N, C-alpha and C. Protein backbone atom coordinates (compact mmCIF):
# COMPACT_ATOMS: atom_id res chain seq x y z
N MET A 1 -5.91 16.60 -5.19
CA MET A 1 -4.86 16.73 -4.19
C MET A 1 -5.34 16.24 -2.83
N TRP A 2 -6.57 16.62 -2.46
CA TRP A 2 -7.09 16.19 -1.17
C TRP A 2 -7.30 14.69 -1.11
N THR A 3 -7.66 14.11 -2.25
CA THR A 3 -7.86 12.66 -2.26
C THR A 3 -6.55 11.93 -2.00
N LEU A 4 -5.46 12.47 -2.50
CA LEU A 4 -4.15 11.85 -2.26
C LEU A 4 -3.76 11.98 -0.79
N ILE A 5 -4.04 13.10 -0.19
CA ILE A 5 -3.73 13.29 1.23
C ILE A 5 -4.57 12.35 2.09
N ILE A 6 -5.84 12.21 1.74
CA ILE A 6 -6.71 11.29 2.48
C ILE A 6 -6.23 9.85 2.32
N ALA A 7 -5.76 9.51 1.13
CA ALA A 7 -5.25 8.16 0.90
C ALA A 7 -4.04 7.87 1.78
N LEU A 8 -3.20 8.84 1.96
CA LEU A 8 -1.99 8.64 2.77
C LEU A 8 -2.28 8.63 4.27
N LEU A 9 -3.46 9.08 4.67
CA LEU A 9 -3.83 9.05 6.09
C LEU A 9 -4.11 7.63 6.59
N GLY A 10 -4.17 6.66 5.70
CA GLY A 10 -4.40 5.28 6.11
C GLY A 10 -3.33 4.78 7.05
N ILE A 11 -2.08 5.16 6.82
CA ILE A 11 -0.99 4.76 7.71
C ILE A 11 -1.20 5.34 9.10
N VAL A 12 -1.57 6.60 9.16
CA VAL A 12 -1.77 7.27 10.45
C VAL A 12 -2.92 6.61 11.21
N ILE A 13 -4.00 6.33 10.52
CA ILE A 13 -5.15 5.70 11.18
C ILE A 13 -4.81 4.29 11.65
N GLY A 14 -4.08 3.54 10.82
CA GLY A 14 -3.65 2.21 11.24
C GLY A 14 -2.74 2.27 12.45
N PHE A 15 -1.87 3.26 12.51
CA PHE A 15 -0.97 3.44 13.64
C PHE A 15 -1.77 3.76 14.90
N ILE A 16 -2.75 4.64 14.78
CA ILE A 16 -3.57 5.04 15.94
C ILE A 16 -4.42 3.87 16.42
N VAL A 17 -5.03 3.14 15.50
CA VAL A 17 -5.85 2.00 15.88
C VAL A 17 -5.01 0.94 16.60
N SER A 18 -3.80 0.74 16.14
CA SER A 18 -2.94 -0.27 16.76
C SER A 18 -2.49 0.14 18.15
N MET A 19 -2.49 1.44 18.45
CA MET A 19 -2.13 1.87 19.80
C MET A 19 -3.21 1.45 20.80
N PHE A 20 -4.45 1.40 20.35
CA PHE A 20 -5.54 1.02 21.25
C PHE A 20 -5.70 -0.49 21.36
N ALA A 21 -5.23 -1.23 20.36
CA ALA A 21 -5.41 -2.68 20.37
C ALA A 21 -4.07 -3.38 20.18
N PHE A 22 -3.06 -2.99 20.95
CA PHE A 22 -1.72 -3.54 20.77
C PHE A 22 -1.65 -5.03 21.10
N GLU A 23 -2.45 -5.48 22.05
CA GLU A 23 -2.41 -6.89 22.46
C GLU A 23 -2.86 -7.81 21.34
N GLU A 24 -3.79 -7.34 20.52
CA GLU A 24 -4.31 -8.16 19.44
C GLU A 24 -3.39 -8.20 18.22
N LEU A 25 -2.42 -7.32 18.16
CA LEU A 25 -1.54 -7.24 16.98
C LEU A 25 -0.65 -8.46 16.85
N GLU A 26 -0.19 -9.00 17.96
CA GLU A 26 0.70 -10.16 17.87
C GLU A 26 -0.02 -11.35 17.27
N ALA A 27 -1.24 -11.59 17.71
CA ALA A 27 -2.00 -12.72 17.17
C ALA A 27 -2.48 -12.44 15.75
N GLY A 28 -2.76 -11.20 15.42
CA GLY A 28 -3.32 -10.87 14.12
C GLY A 28 -2.31 -10.40 13.10
N GLN A 29 -1.02 -10.49 13.42
CA GLN A 29 0.00 -9.98 12.52
C GLN A 29 -0.04 -10.67 11.16
N LYS A 30 -0.20 -11.99 11.15
CA LYS A 30 -0.21 -12.70 9.87
C LYS A 30 -1.44 -12.32 9.04
N TYR A 31 -2.56 -12.02 9.71
CA TYR A 31 -3.75 -11.61 8.98
C TYR A 31 -3.59 -10.21 8.38
N PHE A 32 -2.90 -9.34 9.10
CA PHE A 32 -2.62 -8.01 8.56
C PHE A 32 -1.71 -8.12 7.33
N ILE A 33 -0.75 -9.02 7.38
CA ILE A 33 0.15 -9.20 6.23
C ILE A 33 -0.63 -9.72 5.03
N TRP A 34 -1.51 -10.69 5.24
CA TRP A 34 -2.31 -11.22 4.13
C TRP A 34 -3.31 -10.20 3.61
N LEU A 35 -3.89 -9.41 4.50
CA LEU A 35 -4.81 -8.35 4.07
C LEU A 35 -4.07 -7.31 3.23
N LYS A 36 -2.88 -6.97 3.66
CA LYS A 36 -2.05 -6.01 2.93
C LYS A 36 -1.72 -6.54 1.53
N ARG A 37 -1.40 -7.82 1.45
CA ARG A 37 -1.08 -8.42 0.14
C ARG A 37 -2.30 -8.50 -0.76
N LEU A 38 -3.46 -8.77 -0.18
CA LEU A 38 -4.69 -8.82 -0.97
C LEU A 38 -5.03 -7.45 -1.53
N ILE A 39 -4.90 -6.42 -0.72
CA ILE A 39 -5.17 -5.06 -1.18
C ILE A 39 -4.13 -4.65 -2.22
N LEU A 40 -2.88 -5.08 -2.05
CA LEU A 40 -1.85 -4.81 -3.05
C LEU A 40 -2.24 -5.43 -4.40
N LEU A 41 -2.76 -6.63 -4.37
CA LEU A 41 -3.20 -7.30 -5.60
C LEU A 41 -4.35 -6.53 -6.25
N LEU A 42 -5.28 -6.04 -5.45
CA LEU A 42 -6.39 -5.24 -5.98
C LEU A 42 -5.90 -3.93 -6.59
N ILE A 43 -4.96 -3.28 -5.95
CA ILE A 43 -4.40 -2.04 -6.49
C ILE A 43 -3.69 -2.32 -7.80
N PHE A 44 -2.92 -3.40 -7.82
CA PHE A 44 -2.20 -3.81 -9.02
C PHE A 44 -3.17 -4.02 -10.18
N GLY A 45 -4.26 -4.73 -9.92
CA GLY A 45 -5.25 -4.99 -10.96
C GLY A 45 -5.93 -3.72 -11.42
N CYS A 46 -6.29 -2.85 -10.49
CA CYS A 46 -6.99 -1.60 -10.83
C CYS A 46 -6.11 -0.70 -11.70
N VAL A 47 -4.87 -0.53 -11.31
CA VAL A 47 -3.97 0.37 -12.04
C VAL A 47 -3.64 -0.21 -13.41
N ASN A 48 -3.30 -1.50 -13.46
CA ASN A 48 -2.97 -2.10 -14.75
C ASN A 48 -4.16 -2.10 -15.69
N TYR A 49 -5.34 -2.38 -15.17
CA TYR A 49 -6.54 -2.37 -16.01
C TYR A 49 -6.75 -0.99 -16.62
N GLN A 50 -6.60 0.03 -15.81
CA GLN A 50 -6.83 1.38 -16.31
C GLN A 50 -5.77 1.79 -17.33
N PHE A 51 -4.52 1.43 -17.09
CA PHE A 51 -3.48 1.76 -18.06
C PHE A 51 -3.66 0.99 -19.36
N LEU A 52 -4.10 -0.25 -19.28
CA LEU A 52 -4.33 -1.03 -20.50
C LEU A 52 -5.51 -0.48 -21.30
N ILE A 53 -6.56 -0.06 -20.62
CA ILE A 53 -7.72 0.50 -21.31
C ILE A 53 -7.34 1.78 -22.07
N THR A 54 -6.53 2.61 -21.44
CA THR A 54 -6.15 3.88 -22.07
C THR A 54 -5.05 3.71 -23.10
N GLY A 55 -4.51 2.49 -23.24
CA GLY A 55 -3.52 2.23 -24.27
C GLY A 55 -2.10 2.59 -23.91
N HIS A 56 -1.80 2.72 -22.65
CA HIS A 56 -0.43 3.04 -22.19
C HIS A 56 0.28 1.74 -21.78
N PHE A 57 0.71 0.99 -22.79
CA PHE A 57 1.28 -0.32 -22.54
C PHE A 57 2.65 -0.25 -21.88
N LEU A 58 3.43 0.75 -22.22
CA LEU A 58 4.76 0.89 -21.63
C LEU A 58 4.65 1.19 -20.13
N VAL A 59 3.72 2.04 -19.77
CA VAL A 59 3.50 2.36 -18.35
C VAL A 59 3.01 1.12 -17.61
N THR A 60 2.15 0.34 -18.26
CA THR A 60 1.66 -0.90 -17.66
C THR A 60 2.80 -1.86 -17.40
N LEU A 61 3.68 -2.00 -18.38
CA LEU A 61 4.83 -2.90 -18.23
C LEU A 61 5.77 -2.42 -17.13
N LEU A 62 6.01 -1.13 -17.08
CA LEU A 62 6.88 -0.56 -16.05
C LEU A 62 6.28 -0.74 -14.66
N PHE A 63 5.00 -0.46 -14.51
CA PHE A 63 4.33 -0.61 -13.21
C PHE A 63 4.34 -2.07 -12.77
N THR A 64 4.07 -2.98 -13.71
CA THR A 64 4.08 -4.41 -13.37
C THR A 64 5.46 -4.86 -12.94
N GLY A 65 6.47 -4.42 -13.65
CA GLY A 65 7.85 -4.79 -13.29
C GLY A 65 8.25 -4.29 -11.92
N LEU A 66 7.89 -3.05 -11.61
CA LEU A 66 8.24 -2.49 -10.30
C LEU A 66 7.51 -3.21 -9.17
N ILE A 67 6.24 -3.54 -9.39
CA ILE A 67 5.48 -4.26 -8.36
C ILE A 67 6.10 -5.64 -8.13
N VAL A 68 6.45 -6.33 -9.20
CA VAL A 68 7.03 -7.67 -9.07
C VAL A 68 8.37 -7.60 -8.34
N VAL A 69 9.20 -6.61 -8.66
CA VAL A 69 10.50 -6.46 -7.99
C VAL A 69 10.30 -6.17 -6.51
N LEU A 70 9.42 -5.24 -6.18
CA LEU A 70 9.18 -4.91 -4.77
C LEU A 70 8.60 -6.09 -4.00
N PHE A 71 7.67 -6.80 -4.62
CA PHE A 71 7.06 -7.94 -3.94
C PHE A 71 8.08 -9.06 -3.72
N THR A 72 8.96 -9.29 -4.70
CA THR A 72 10.00 -10.30 -4.55
C THR A 72 10.98 -9.92 -3.45
N LEU A 73 11.35 -8.65 -3.39
CA LEU A 73 12.24 -8.19 -2.31
C LEU A 73 11.58 -8.38 -0.95
N GLU A 74 10.30 -8.10 -0.88
CA GLU A 74 9.59 -8.26 0.39
C GLU A 74 9.56 -9.73 0.82
N LEU A 75 9.30 -10.62 -0.12
CA LEU A 75 9.20 -12.04 0.23
C LEU A 75 10.55 -12.67 0.55
N ARG A 76 11.56 -12.34 -0.19
CA ARG A 76 12.86 -12.98 -0.01
C ARG A 76 13.65 -12.46 1.17
N LYS A 77 13.70 -11.18 1.32
CA LYS A 77 14.57 -10.61 2.35
C LYS A 77 13.82 -10.06 3.54
N GLN A 78 12.49 -10.08 3.47
CA GLN A 78 11.67 -9.55 4.54
C GLN A 78 12.05 -8.11 4.87
N LEU A 79 12.28 -7.32 3.83
CA LEU A 79 12.61 -5.90 4.03
C LEU A 79 11.34 -5.13 4.32
N PHE A 80 11.31 -4.47 5.44
CA PHE A 80 10.10 -3.73 5.79
C PHE A 80 10.06 -2.37 5.09
N LYS A 81 11.22 -1.86 4.70
CA LYS A 81 11.25 -0.57 4.04
C LYS A 81 10.69 -0.64 2.62
N VAL A 82 10.48 -1.85 2.12
CA VAL A 82 9.87 -2.03 0.81
C VAL A 82 8.45 -1.47 0.81
N GLU A 83 7.80 -1.49 1.96
CA GLU A 83 6.43 -0.98 2.06
C GLU A 83 6.35 0.48 1.63
N TYR A 84 7.36 1.24 1.97
CA TYR A 84 7.36 2.65 1.58
C TYR A 84 7.59 2.78 0.08
N GLY A 85 8.30 1.83 -0.51
CA GLY A 85 8.44 1.79 -1.96
C GLY A 85 7.11 1.59 -2.65
N TYR A 86 6.26 0.74 -2.05
CA TYR A 86 4.91 0.57 -2.58
C TYR A 86 4.15 1.89 -2.55
N TYR A 87 4.26 2.60 -1.45
CA TYR A 87 3.53 3.86 -1.34
C TYR A 87 3.99 4.87 -2.37
N VAL A 88 5.30 4.95 -2.59
CA VAL A 88 5.83 5.85 -3.62
C VAL A 88 5.29 5.44 -4.99
N LEU A 89 5.24 4.14 -5.24
CA LEU A 89 4.72 3.64 -6.50
C LEU A 89 3.24 3.96 -6.66
N PHE A 90 2.46 3.86 -5.59
CA PHE A 90 1.04 4.20 -5.64
C PHE A 90 0.85 5.68 -5.95
N ILE A 91 1.66 6.52 -5.33
CA ILE A 91 1.55 7.96 -5.58
C ILE A 91 1.91 8.27 -7.03
N LEU A 92 2.97 7.63 -7.54
CA LEU A 92 3.32 7.84 -8.94
C LEU A 92 2.22 7.36 -9.88
N ALA A 93 1.60 6.23 -9.55
CA ALA A 93 0.50 5.73 -10.38
C ALA A 93 -0.68 6.71 -10.33
N TYR A 94 -0.95 7.26 -9.16
CA TYR A 94 -2.04 8.24 -9.03
C TYR A 94 -1.76 9.47 -9.90
N ILE A 95 -0.54 9.98 -9.81
CA ILE A 95 -0.18 11.16 -10.60
C ILE A 95 -0.23 10.84 -12.08
N GLN A 96 0.26 9.66 -12.46
CA GLN A 96 0.23 9.26 -13.86
C GLN A 96 -1.21 9.15 -14.37
N MET A 97 -2.08 8.57 -13.56
CA MET A 97 -3.48 8.46 -13.96
C MET A 97 -4.12 9.84 -14.07
N LYS A 98 -3.72 10.73 -13.20
CA LYS A 98 -4.25 12.10 -13.26
C LYS A 98 -3.78 12.80 -14.53
N LEU A 99 -2.53 12.57 -14.93
CA LEU A 99 -2.00 13.18 -16.14
C LEU A 99 -2.66 12.62 -17.40
N PHE A 100 -3.01 11.34 -17.38
CA PHE A 100 -3.65 10.72 -18.54
C PHE A 100 -5.15 11.00 -18.59
N LEU A 101 -5.63 11.84 -17.69
CA LEU A 101 -7.04 12.21 -17.60
C LEU A 101 -7.94 10.99 -17.52
N VAL A 102 -7.59 10.13 -16.58
CA VAL A 102 -8.36 8.92 -16.34
C VAL A 102 -9.67 9.29 -15.66
N ASP A 103 -10.65 8.45 -15.83
CA ASP A 103 -11.97 8.66 -15.23
C ASP A 103 -11.84 8.84 -13.71
N VAL A 104 -12.61 9.75 -13.17
CA VAL A 104 -12.56 10.07 -11.75
C VAL A 104 -12.91 8.85 -10.90
N ASN A 105 -13.78 7.99 -11.38
CA ASN A 105 -14.16 6.81 -10.61
C ASN A 105 -12.96 5.90 -10.34
N TYR A 106 -12.08 5.74 -11.32
CA TYR A 106 -10.89 4.91 -11.11
C TYR A 106 -9.93 5.57 -10.13
N LEU A 107 -9.84 6.89 -10.18
CA LEU A 107 -8.99 7.57 -9.21
C LEU A 107 -9.53 7.41 -7.79
N LEU A 108 -10.84 7.44 -7.64
CA LEU A 108 -11.43 7.24 -6.31
C LEU A 108 -11.25 5.81 -5.83
N ILE A 109 -11.33 4.86 -6.75
CA ILE A 109 -11.08 3.45 -6.37
C ILE A 109 -9.64 3.29 -5.92
N LEU A 110 -8.71 3.86 -6.68
CA LEU A 110 -7.29 3.77 -6.30
C LEU A 110 -7.04 4.45 -4.96
N THR A 111 -7.64 5.61 -4.76
CA THR A 111 -7.48 6.33 -3.50
C THR A 111 -8.01 5.50 -2.33
N SER A 112 -9.17 4.89 -2.51
CA SER A 112 -9.75 4.07 -1.44
C SER A 112 -8.88 2.86 -1.14
N LEU A 113 -8.36 2.23 -2.17
CA LEU A 113 -7.52 1.05 -1.96
C LEU A 113 -6.20 1.41 -1.28
N VAL A 114 -5.62 2.54 -1.65
CA VAL A 114 -4.37 2.98 -1.00
C VAL A 114 -4.65 3.32 0.46
N PHE A 115 -5.78 3.93 0.75
CA PHE A 115 -6.17 4.21 2.14
C PHE A 115 -6.31 2.90 2.92
N LEU A 116 -7.01 1.93 2.33
CA LEU A 116 -7.18 0.64 3.00
C LEU A 116 -5.86 -0.11 3.15
N TYR A 117 -4.96 0.05 2.20
CA TYR A 117 -3.64 -0.57 2.29
C TYR A 117 -2.85 0.02 3.46
N GLY A 118 -3.05 1.29 3.73
CA GLY A 118 -2.30 1.95 4.80
C GLY A 118 -2.71 1.53 6.20
N ILE A 119 -3.94 1.05 6.37
CA ILE A 119 -4.40 0.68 7.71
C ILE A 119 -3.63 -0.52 8.25
N PRO A 120 -3.55 -1.66 7.53
CA PRO A 120 -2.72 -2.74 8.07
C PRO A 120 -1.24 -2.39 8.08
N LEU A 121 -0.80 -1.56 7.14
CA LEU A 121 0.60 -1.16 7.13
C LEU A 121 0.93 -0.34 8.37
N GLY A 122 0.08 0.62 8.73
CA GLY A 122 0.30 1.42 9.93
C GLY A 122 0.27 0.58 11.19
N SER A 123 -0.61 -0.42 11.22
CA SER A 123 -0.67 -1.31 12.37
C SER A 123 0.61 -2.13 12.49
N LEU A 124 1.10 -2.63 11.36
CA LEU A 124 2.33 -3.42 11.39
C LEU A 124 3.56 -2.56 11.74
N VAL A 125 3.57 -1.33 11.26
CA VAL A 125 4.68 -0.43 11.61
C VAL A 125 4.69 -0.18 13.12
N HIS A 126 3.53 0.08 13.69
CA HIS A 126 3.45 0.31 15.14
C HIS A 126 3.87 -0.92 15.91
N TYR A 127 3.41 -2.08 15.48
CA TYR A 127 3.75 -3.32 16.17
C TYR A 127 5.26 -3.58 16.12
N ARG A 128 5.85 -3.39 14.95
CA ARG A 128 7.29 -3.66 14.83
C ARG A 128 8.13 -2.65 15.58
N LEU A 129 7.68 -1.39 15.65
CA LEU A 129 8.42 -0.39 16.41
C LEU A 129 8.39 -0.72 17.90
N PHE A 130 7.21 -1.02 18.43
CA PHE A 130 7.09 -1.30 19.86
C PHE A 130 7.63 -2.68 20.21
N ASN A 131 7.58 -3.60 19.30
CA ASN A 131 8.13 -4.93 19.55
C ASN A 131 9.64 -4.86 19.68
N LYS A 132 10.30 -4.03 18.88
CA LYS A 132 11.76 -3.85 18.99
C LYS A 132 12.11 -3.18 20.31
N LYS A 133 11.30 -2.16 20.70
CA LYS A 133 11.59 -1.46 21.96
C LYS A 133 11.41 -2.39 23.16
N SER A 134 10.38 -3.25 23.12
CA SER A 134 10.16 -4.14 24.26
C SER A 134 11.21 -5.24 24.33
N LYS A 135 11.77 -5.66 23.19
CA LYS A 135 12.83 -6.67 23.21
C LYS A 135 14.15 -6.08 23.70
N ASN A 136 14.37 -4.79 23.40
CA ASN A 136 15.62 -4.15 23.83
C ASN A 136 15.59 -3.79 25.31
N SER A 137 14.42 -3.67 25.90
CA SER A 137 14.33 -3.27 27.32
C SER A 137 14.65 -4.42 28.25
């Protein structure tokens, strides 16, 4: 339970870090997006690998389909709320892995990757919130 809470703190830490370095966010926004996508790919590989090893092919297919749908929505429509869909999917994958009694090492890897995914996500959320406020002023 604590590992899941720590994993979700990545957004908060990314938000706090971006408050101190707001000037650098505009120039580094594309790098945060690419870092987020790279970590998403690593999470996708870690979860699918673990589900395939344990023989849960239906769960693997479902997880792959949901990731592909969310990623396509993100690319085509630039929906920012899709990011929260990823987080819900990560939490469901964590709970599913916990129910299948997956090795603790894989759970720690998933937790670490979700934490790292939250840092650029929190930075981008902060940037987009303040960027909208500064454009409206």
